[in-house]
């Protein structure tokens, strides 16, 4: 039992270290010795758990994909086919990119030319956003004249931009930045009859922010006013 627990801890440390090194240096430049040193284990221990750098990268990607799946599934379970589902998932994804090195490393691998061709977190996110917008369209949640395909392209392009820019400046991943994005987009995307019930700051974020910021987030700008500008 002790050996099993130690093995689990070592594997976890290696995945965390690999994600950090991949995020900082890219897949090609990252060395196994750097990763093992960052994890505080020997090269032999690394090779015991992962036969190659590709196997290690796949473990990072798989763990990041699980995290992304939890984010999207939780949002869907809370809000169904509402646009609030996409708003909340976007906030949670950007927050994870800022604080979870495995999620960050997984997305960095998706953008690495040496790792293209396999499963991609960006494609996983794109497919989910597209499906969510189609669901919203069928339920009548989109504004007249707005297609699910066009809405999804805008959201995916914007969130990919946040992700890439956030690698250099974490303020792009802040909840304030994501809230401002939705304040601009939602009045154009949502049907007027559904707009009042949508929260640009995310419906489940108030408990996760400092008290001094809660009052500002609890009262988002009037979206109908923004639509008429």
C-alpha atoms as a PDB file:
ATOM      1  CA  UNK A   1       0.000   0.000   0.000  1.00  0.00           C
ATOM      2  CA  UNK A   2       2.826   2.414   0.887  1.00  0.00           C
ATOM      3  CA  UNK A   3       4.568   1.668  -2.420  1.00  0.00           C
ATOM      4  CA  UNK A   4       1.327   2.252  -4.332  1.00  0.00           C
ATOM      5  CA  UNK A   5       0.780   5.605  -2.611  1.00  0.00           C
ATOM      6  CA  UNK A   6       4.374   6.621  -3.359  1.00  0.00           C
ATOM      7  CA  UNK A   7       3.931   5.628  -7.006  1.00  0.00           C
ATOM      8  CA  UNK A   8       0.748   7.706  -7.269  1.00  0.00           C
ATOM      9  CA  UNK A   9       2.509  10.720  -5.755  1.00  0.00           C
ATOM     10  CA  UNK A  10       5.479  10.315  -8.100  1.00  0.00           C
ATOM     11  CA  UNK A  11       3.249  10.038 -11.167  1.00  0.00           C
ATOM     12  CA  UNK A  12       1.308  13.117 -10.069  1.00  0.00           C
ATOM     13  CA  UNK A  13       4.519  15.091  -9.530  1.00  0.00           C
ATOM     14  CA  UNK A  14       5.833  14.096 -12.952  1.00  0.00           C
ATOM     15  CA  UNK A  15       2.639  15.158 -14.721  1.00  0.00           C
ATOM     16  CA  UNK A  16       2.631  18.491 -12.896  1.00  0.00           C
ATOM     17  CA  UNK A  17       6.299  19.082 -13.696  1.00  0.00           C
ATOM     18  CA  UNK A  18       5.898  18.041 -17.318  1.00  0.00           C
ATOM     19  CA  UNK A  19       2.916  20.355 -17.779  1.00  0.00           C
ATOM     20  CA  UNK A  20       4.938  23.262 -16.393  1.00  0.00           C
ATOM     21  CA  UNK A  21       7.956  22.560 -18.594  1.00  0.00           C
ATOM     22  CA  UNK A  22       5.814  22.033 -21.707  1.00  0.00           C
ATOM     23  CA  UNK A  23       4.027  25.327 -21.003  1.00  0.00           C
ATOM     24  CA  UNK A  24       7.337  27.171 -20.549  1.00  0.00           C
ATOM     25  CA  UNK A  25       9.534  25.576 -23.208  1.00  0.00           C
ATOM     26  CA  UNK A  26       7.292  23.722 -25.649  1.00  0.00           C
ATOM     27  CA  UNK A  27       7.235  20.014 -26.343  1.00  0.00           C
ATOM     28  CA  UNK A  28      10.324  19.794 -28.567  1.00  0.00           C
ATOM     29  CA  UNK A  29      12.638  21.809 -26.317  1.00  0.00           C
ATOM     30  CA  UNK A  30      11.499  20.214 -23.061  1.00  0.00           C
ATOM     31  CA  UNK A  31      13.911  17.546 -21.803  1.00  0.00           C
ATOM     32  CA  UNK A  32      13.108  14.583 -19.613  1.00  0.00           C
ATOM     33  CA  UNK A  33      15.979  15.478 -17.294  1.00  0.00           C
ATOM     34  CA  UNK A  34      14.484  18.943 -16.759  1.00  0.00           C
ATOM     35  CA  UNK A  35      11.099  17.388 -16.039  1.00  0.00           C
ATOM     36  CA  UNK A  36      12.471  14.817 -13.600  1.00  0.00           C
ATOM     37  CA  UNK A  37      14.494  17.515 -11.856  1.00  0.00           C
ATOM     38  CA  UNK A  38      11.437  19.747 -11.558  1.00  0.00           C
ATOM     39  CA  UNK A  39       9.479  16.815 -10.097  1.00  0.00           C
ATOM     40  CA  UNK A  40      12.278  15.970  -7.671  1.00  0.00           C
ATOM     41  CA  UNK A  41      12.678  12.378  -8.885  1.00  0.00           C
ATOM     42  CA  UNK A  42      15.377  10.445 -10.718  1.00  0.00           C
ATOM     43  CA  UNK A  43      15.421   9.838 -14.461  1.00  0.00           C
ATOM     44  CA  UNK A  44      14.955   6.167 -13.676  1.00  0.00           C
ATOM     45  CA  UNK A  45      11.758   6.899 -11.771  1.00  0.00           C
ATOM     46  CA  UNK A  46      10.486   8.956 -14.698  1.00  0.00           C
ATOM     47  CA  UNK A  47      11.140   6.144 -17.179  1.00  0.00           C
ATOM     48  CA  UNK A  48       9.480   3.654 -14.841  1.00  0.00           C
ATOM     49  CA  UNK A  49       6.214   5.600 -15.148  1.00  0.00           C
ATOM     50  CA  UNK A  50       6.555   6.974 -18.684  1.00  0.00           C
ATOM     51  CA  UNK A  51       8.483   5.230 -21.433  1.00  0.00           C
ATOM     52  CA  UNK A  52       8.890   8.371 -23.527  1.00  0.00           C
ATOM     53  CA  UNK A  53       8.262  12.098 -23.666  1.00  0.00           C
ATOM     54  CA  UNK A  54       5.285  11.406 -25.923  1.00  0.00           C
ATOM     55  CA  UNK A  55       3.718   9.199 -23.263  1.00  0.00           C
ATOM     56  CA  UNK A  56       4.253  11.914 -20.681  1.00  0.00           C
ATOM     57  CA  UNK A  57       2.715  14.536 -22.951  1.00  0.00           C
ATOM     58  CA  UNK A  58      -0.291  12.284 -23.524  1.00  0.00           C
ATOM     59  CA  UNK A  59      -0.744  11.940 -19.758  1.00  0.00           C
ATOM     60  CA  UNK A  60      -0.741  15.725 -19.410  1.00  0.00           C
ATOM     61  CA  UNK A  61      -3.232  16.073 -22.255  1.00  0.00           C
ATOM     62  CA  UNK A  62      -5.512  13.360 -20.866  1.00  0.00           C
ATOM     63  CA  UNK A  63      -5.598  14.881 -17.381  1.00  0.00           C
ATOM     64  CA  UNK A  64      -6.265  18.336 -18.828  1.00  0.00           C
ATOM     65  CA  UNK A  65      -9.042  16.880 -21.010  1.00  0.00           C
ATOM     66  CA  UNK A  66     -10.673  15.386 -17.902  1.00  0.00           C
ATOM     67  CA  UNK A  67     -10.577  18.789 -16.217  1.00  0.00           C
ATOM     68  CA  UNK A  68     -12.124  20.442 -19.277  1.00  0.00           C
ATOM     69  CA  UNK A  69     -14.801  17.753 -19.354  1.00  0.00           C
ATOM     70  CA  UNK A  70     -15.694  18.415 -15.722  1.00  0.00           C
ATOM     71  CA  UNK A  71     -15.993  22.145 -16.432  1.00  0.00           C
ATOM     72  CA  UNK A  72     -18.335  21.704 -19.384  1.00  0.00           C
ATOM     73  CA  UNK A  73     -20.389  18.916 -17.806  1.00  0.00           C
ATOM     74  CA  UNK A  74     -20.930  20.927 -14.624  1.00  0.00           C
ATOM     75  CA  UNK A  75     -22.045  23.987 -16.570  1.00  0.00           C
ATOM     76  CA  UNK A  76     -24.444  21.893 -18.690  1.00  0.00           C
ATOM     77  CA  UNK A  77     -25.897  20.195 -15.612  1.00  0.00           C
ATOM     78  CA  UNK A  78     -26.632  23.579 -14.010  1.00  0.00           C
ATOM     79  CA  UNK A  79     -28.117  25.431 -16.954  1.00  0.00           C
ATOM     80  CA  UNK A  80     -29.053  22.963 -19.678  1.00  0.00           C
ATOM     81  CA  UNK A  81     -29.392  24.592 -23.096  1.00  0.00           C
ATOM     82  CA  UNK A  82     -29.212  28.179 -21.821  1.00  0.00           C
ATOM     83  CA  UNK A  83     -26.464  30.506 -22.993  1.00  0.00           C
ATOM     84  CA  UNK A  84     -25.556  30.788 -19.311  1.00  0.00           C
ATOM     85  CA  UNK A  85     -24.012  27.340 -19.727  1.00  0.00           C
ATOM     86  CA  UNK A  86     -21.438  28.724 -22.166  1.00  0.00           C
ATOM     87  CA  UNK A  87     -20.849  31.870 -20.112  1.00  0.00           C
ATOM     88  CA  UNK A  88     -20.132  29.884 -16.951  1.00  0.00           C
ATOM     89  CA  UNK A  89     -17.951  27.317 -18.718  1.00  0.00           C
ATOM     90  CA  UNK A  90     -15.888  30.098 -20.300  1.00  0.00           C
ATOM     91  CA  UNK A  91     -15.246  31.690 -16.906  1.00  0.00           C
ATOM     92  CA  UNK A  92     -14.282  28.377 -15.359  1.00  0.00           C
ATOM     93  CA  UNK A  93     -11.985  27.452 -18.254  1.00  0.00           C
ATOM     94  CA  UNK A  94     -10.108  30.757 -18.117  1.00  0.00           C
ATOM     95  CA  UNK A  95      -9.780  30.418 -14.340  1.00  0.00           C
ATOM     96  CA  UNK A  96      -8.372  26.904 -14.771  1.00  0.00           C
ATOM     97  CA  UNK A  97      -5.883  28.129 -17.364  1.00  0.00           C
ATOM     98  CA  UNK A  98      -4.695  30.720 -14.851  1.00  0.00           C
ATOM     99  CA  UNK A  99      -4.345  28.449 -11.814  1.00  0.00           C
ATOM    100  CA  UNK A 100      -4.026  24.828 -13.023  1.00  0.00           C
ATOM    101  CA  UNK A 101      -0.685  24.147 -14.679  1.00  0.00           C
ATOM    102  CA  UNK A 102      -1.887  20.841 -16.133  1.00  0.00           C
ATOM    103  CA  UNK A 103      -4.745  22.556 -17.970  1.00  0.00           C
ATOM    104  CA  UNK A 104      -2.329  25.247 -19.170  1.00  0.00           C
ATOM    105  CA  UNK A 105       0.195  22.637 -20.279  1.00  0.00           C
ATOM    106  CA  UNK A 106      -2.489  20.629 -22.060  1.00  0.00           C
ATOM    107  CA  UNK A 107      -3.604  23.642 -24.084  1.00  0.00           C
ATOM    108  CA  UNK A 108      -0.006  24.583 -24.850  1.00  0.00           C
ATOM    109  CA  UNK A 109       0.514  21.093 -26.263  1.00  0.00           C
ATOM    110  CA  UNK A 110      -2.549  21.599 -28.461  1.00  0.00           C
ATOM    111  CA  UNK A 111      -0.829  24.580 -30.059  1.00  0.00           C
ATOM    112  CA  UNK A 112       2.558  22.880 -30.459  1.00  0.00           C
ATOM    113  CA  UNK A 113       3.240  21.945 -34.089  1.00  0.00           C
ATOM    114  CA  UNK A 114       5.162  18.856 -32.963  1.00  0.00           C
ATOM    115  CA  UNK A 115       2.072  17.495 -31.214  1.00  0.00           C
ATOM    116  CA  UNK A 116      -0.589  18.274 -33.827  1.00  0.00           C
ATOM    117  CA  UNK A 117      -2.616  15.497 -35.350  1.00  0.00           C
ATOM    118  CA  UNK A 118      -3.698  13.806 -32.126  1.00  0.00           C
ATOM    119  CA  UNK A 119      -6.540  14.670 -29.744  1.00  0.00           C
ATOM    120  CA  UNK A 120      -6.603  18.405 -29.017  1.00  0.00           C
ATOM    121  CA  UNK A 121      -8.081  20.298 -26.110  1.00  0.00           C
ATOM    122  CA  UNK A 122      -8.836  23.215 -28.414  1.00  0.00           C
ATOM    123  CA  UNK A 123     -10.884  20.960 -30.676  1.00  0.00           C
ATOM    124  CA  UNK A 124     -12.600  19.444 -27.638  1.00  0.00           C
ATOM    125  CA  UNK A 125     -13.601  22.934 -26.491  1.00  0.00           C
ATOM    126  CA  UNK A 126     -14.647  23.959 -30.012  1.00  0.00           C
ATOM    127  CA  UNK A 127     -16.914  20.925 -30.427  1.00  0.00           C
ATOM    128  CA  UNK A 128     -18.550  21.584 -27.060  1.00  0.00           C
ATOM    129  CA  UNK A 129     -19.171  25.269 -27.815  1.00  0.00           C
ATOM    130  CA  UNK A 130     -20.618  24.397 -31.224  1.00  0.00           C
ATOM    131  CA  UNK A 131     -22.928  21.792 -29.683  1.00  0.00           C
ATOM    132  CA  UNK A 132     -23.981  24.217 -26.944  1.00  0.00           C
ATOM    133  CA  UNK A 133     -24.827  26.956 -29.438  1.00  0.00           C
ATOM    134  CA  UNK A 134     -26.857  24.500 -31.540  1.00  0.00           C
ATOM    135  CA  UNK A 135     -28.788  23.509 -28.423  1.00  0.00           C
ATOM    136  CA  UNK A 136     -29.371  27.172 -27.587  1.00  0.00           C
ATOM    137  CA  UNK A 137     -30.553  27.828 -31.135  1.00  0.00           C
ATOM    138  CA  UNK A 138     -33.050  24.941 -31.003  1.00  0.00           C
ATOM    139  CA  UNK A 139     -34.399  26.192 -27.676  1.00  0.00           C
ATOM    140  CA  UNK A 140     -34.935  29.707 -29.061  1.00  0.00           C
ATOM    141  CA  UNK A 141     -32.241  31.300 -26.900  1.00  0.00           C
ATOM    142  CA  UNK A 142     -30.416  33.041 -29.754  1.00  0.00           C
ATOM    143  CA  UNK A 143     -31.315  36.437 -31.167  1.00  0.00           C
ATOM    144  CA  UNK A 144     -33.187  36.525 -34.445  1.00  0.00           C
ATOM    145  CA  UNK A 145     -30.792  36.387 -37.382  1.00  0.00           C
ATOM    146  CA  UNK A 146     -27.895  34.955 -35.328  1.00  0.00           C
ATOM    147  CA  UNK A 147     -26.798  31.451 -36.294  1.00  0.00           C
ATOM    148  CA  UNK A 148     -25.320  28.918 -33.920  1.00  0.00           C
ATOM    149  CA  UNK A 149     -22.345  28.432 -36.258  1.00  0.00           C
ATOM    150  CA  UNK A 150     -21.481  32.132 -36.338  1.00  0.00           C
ATOM    151  CA  UNK A 151     -21.888  32.518 -32.571  1.00  0.00           C
ATOM    152  CA  UNK A 152     -19.684  29.511 -31.899  1.00  0.00           C
ATOM    153  CA  UNK A 153     -16.931  30.789 -34.197  1.00  0.00           C
ATOM    154  CA  UNK A 154     -16.810  34.113 -32.368  1.00  0.00           C
ATOM    155  CA  UNK A 155     -16.711  32.473 -28.932  1.00  0.00           C
ATOM    156  CA  UNK A 156     -14.071  29.902 -29.894  1.00  0.00           C
ATOM    157  CA  UNK A 157     -11.881  32.525 -31.561  1.00  0.00           C
ATOM    158  CA  UNK A 158     -12.141  34.868 -28.577  1.00  0.00           C
ATOM    159  CA  UNK A 159     -11.425  32.197 -25.965  1.00  0.00           C
ATOM    160  CA  UNK A 160      -8.462  30.913 -27.984  1.00  0.00           C
ATOM    161  CA  UNK A 161      -7.166  34.472 -27.982  1.00  0.00           C
ATOM    162  CA  UNK A 162      -7.586  34.765 -24.221  1.00  0.00           C
ATOM    163  CA  UNK A 163      -5.753  31.462 -23.783  1.00  0.00           C
ATOM    164  CA  UNK A 164      -2.795  32.415 -25.975  1.00  0.00           C
ATOM    165  CA  UNK A 165      -2.444  35.975 -24.674  1.00  0.00           C
ATOM    166  CA  UNK A 166      -2.885  34.733 -21.106  1.00  0.00           C
ATOM    167  CA  UNK A 167       0.307  32.727 -21.465  1.00  0.00           C
ATOM    168  CA  UNK A 168       2.216  36.007 -21.453  1.00  0.00           C
ATOM    169  CA  UNK A 169      -0.113  38.222 -19.429  1.00  0.00           C
ATOM    170  CA  UNK A 170      -2.395  36.461 -16.965  1.00  0.00           C
ATOM    171  CA  UNK A 171      -4.736  39.464 -16.797  1.00  0.00           C
ATOM    172  CA  UNK A 172      -6.259  38.237 -20.066  1.00  0.00           C
ATOM    173  CA  UNK A 173      -7.559  35.237 -18.122  1.00  0.00           C
ATOM    174  CA  UNK A 174      -9.086  37.281 -15.316  1.00  0.00           C
ATOM    175  CA  UNK A 175     -12.770  37.114 -14.601  1.00  0.00           C
ATOM    176  CA  UNK A 176     -13.015  40.822 -15.218  1.00  0.00           C
ATOM    177  CA  UNK A 177     -11.697  40.387 -18.773  1.00  0.00           C
ATOM    178  CA  UNK A 178     -14.066  37.504 -19.506  1.00  0.00           C
ATOM    179  CA  UNK A 179     -17.004  39.413 -18.023  1.00  0.00           C
ATOM    180  CA  UNK A 180     -16.294  42.388 -20.299  1.00  0.00           C
ATOM    181  CA  UNK A 181     -16.211  40.049 -23.299  1.00  0.00           C
ATOM    182  CA  UNK A 182     -19.657  38.687 -22.469  1.00  0.00           C
ATOM    183  CA  UNK A 183     -21.024  42.184 -21.806  1.00  0.00           C
ATOM    184  CA  UNK A 184     -20.161  43.039 -25.406  1.00  0.00           C
ATOM    185  CA  UNK A 185     -21.247  39.748 -27.018  1.00  0.00           C
ATOM    186  CA  UNK A 186     -24.368  38.643 -25.155  1.00  0.00           C
ATOM    187  CA  UNK A 187     -26.599  41.545 -26.260  1.00  0.00           C
ATOM    188  CA  UNK A 188     -25.862  40.553 -29.858  1.00  0.00           C
ATOM    189  CA  UNK A 189     -26.106  36.808 -29.294  1.00  0.00           C
ATOM    190  CA  UNK A 190     -29.092  36.327 -26.986  1.00  0.00           C
ATOM    191  CA  UNK A 191     -32.760  36.712 -27.788  1.00  0.00           C
ATOM    192  CA  UNK A 192     -34.241  39.752 -26.051  1.00  0.00           C
ATOM    193  CA  UNK A 193     -36.680  37.620 -24.066  1.00  0.00           C
ATOM    194  CA  UNK A 194     -33.779  35.654 -22.540  1.00  0.00           C
ATOM    195  CA  UNK A 195     -31.339  38.485 -21.939  1.00  0.00           C
ATOM    196  CA  UNK A 196     -32.479  39.641 -18.503  1.00  0.00           C
ATOM    197  CA  UNK A 197     -31.768  36.243 -16.953  1.00  0.00           C
ATOM    198  CA  UNK A 198     -28.167  36.017 -18.145  1.00  0.00           C
ATOM    199  CA  UNK A 199     -25.245  36.959 -15.887  1.00  0.00           C
ATOM    200  CA  UNK A 200     -22.102  38.063 -17.710  1.00  0.00           C
ATOM    201  CA  UNK A 201     -19.966  37.597 -14.597  1.00  0.00           C
ATOM    202  CA  UNK A 202     -21.026  33.962 -14.323  1.00  0.00           C
ATOM    203  CA  UNK A 203     -23.892  32.626 -12.268  1.00  0.00           C
ATOM    204  CA  UNK A 204     -21.731  30.716  -9.800  1.00  0.00           C
ATOM    205  CA  UNK A 205     -18.751  33.008  -9.292  1.00  0.00           C
ATOM    206  CA  UNK A 206     -19.750  35.304  -6.442  1.00  0.00           C
ATOM    207  CA  UNK A 207     -18.686  32.825  -3.765  1.00  0.00           C
ATOM    208  CA  UNK A 208     -15.245  32.556  -5.385  1.00  0.00           C
ATOM    209  CA  UNK A 209     -14.331  36.241  -5.424  1.00  0.00           C
ATOM    210  CA  UNK A 210     -13.279  38.614  -2.630  1.00  0.00           C
ATOM    211  CA  UNK A 211     -16.197  40.333  -0.804  1.00  0.00           C
ATOM    212  CA  UNK A 212     -15.074  43.778  -1.987  1.00  0.00           C
ATOM    213  CA  UNK A 213     -15.614  42.666  -5.606  1.00  0.00           C
ATOM    214  CA  UNK A 214     -18.945  40.935  -5.118  1.00  0.00           C
ATOM    215  CA  UNK A 215     -21.144  44.032  -5.241  1.00  0.00           C
ATOM    216  CA  UNK A 216     -19.757  45.014  -8.640  1.00  0.00           C
ATOM    217  CA  UNK A 217     -20.244  41.539 -10.062  1.00  0.00           C
ATOM    218  CA  UNK A 218     -23.682  41.064  -8.567  1.00  0.00           C
ATOM    219  CA  UNK A 219     -25.027  43.989 -10.612  1.00  0.00           C
ATOM    220  CA  UNK A 220     -23.849  43.618 -14.224  1.00  0.00           C
ATOM    221  CA  UNK A 221     -24.512  46.456 -16.660  1.00  0.00           C
ATOM    222  CA  UNK A 222     -27.925  46.724 -18.293  1.00  0.00           C
ATOM    223  CA  UNK A 223     -27.551  44.562 -21.369  1.00  0.00           C
ATOM    224  CA  UNK A 224     -30.633  45.931 -23.072  1.00  0.00           C
ATOM    225  CA  UNK A 225     -29.046  49.367 -23.014  1.00  0.00           C
ATOM    226  CA  UNK A 226     -25.917  47.969 -24.632  1.00  0.00           C
ATOM    227  CA  UNK A 227     -28.031  46.370 -27.361  1.00  0.00           C
ATOM    228  CA  UNK A 228     -29.543  49.696 -28.339  1.00  0.00           C
ATOM    229  CA  UNK A 229     -26.187  51.524 -28.637  1.00  0.00           C
END
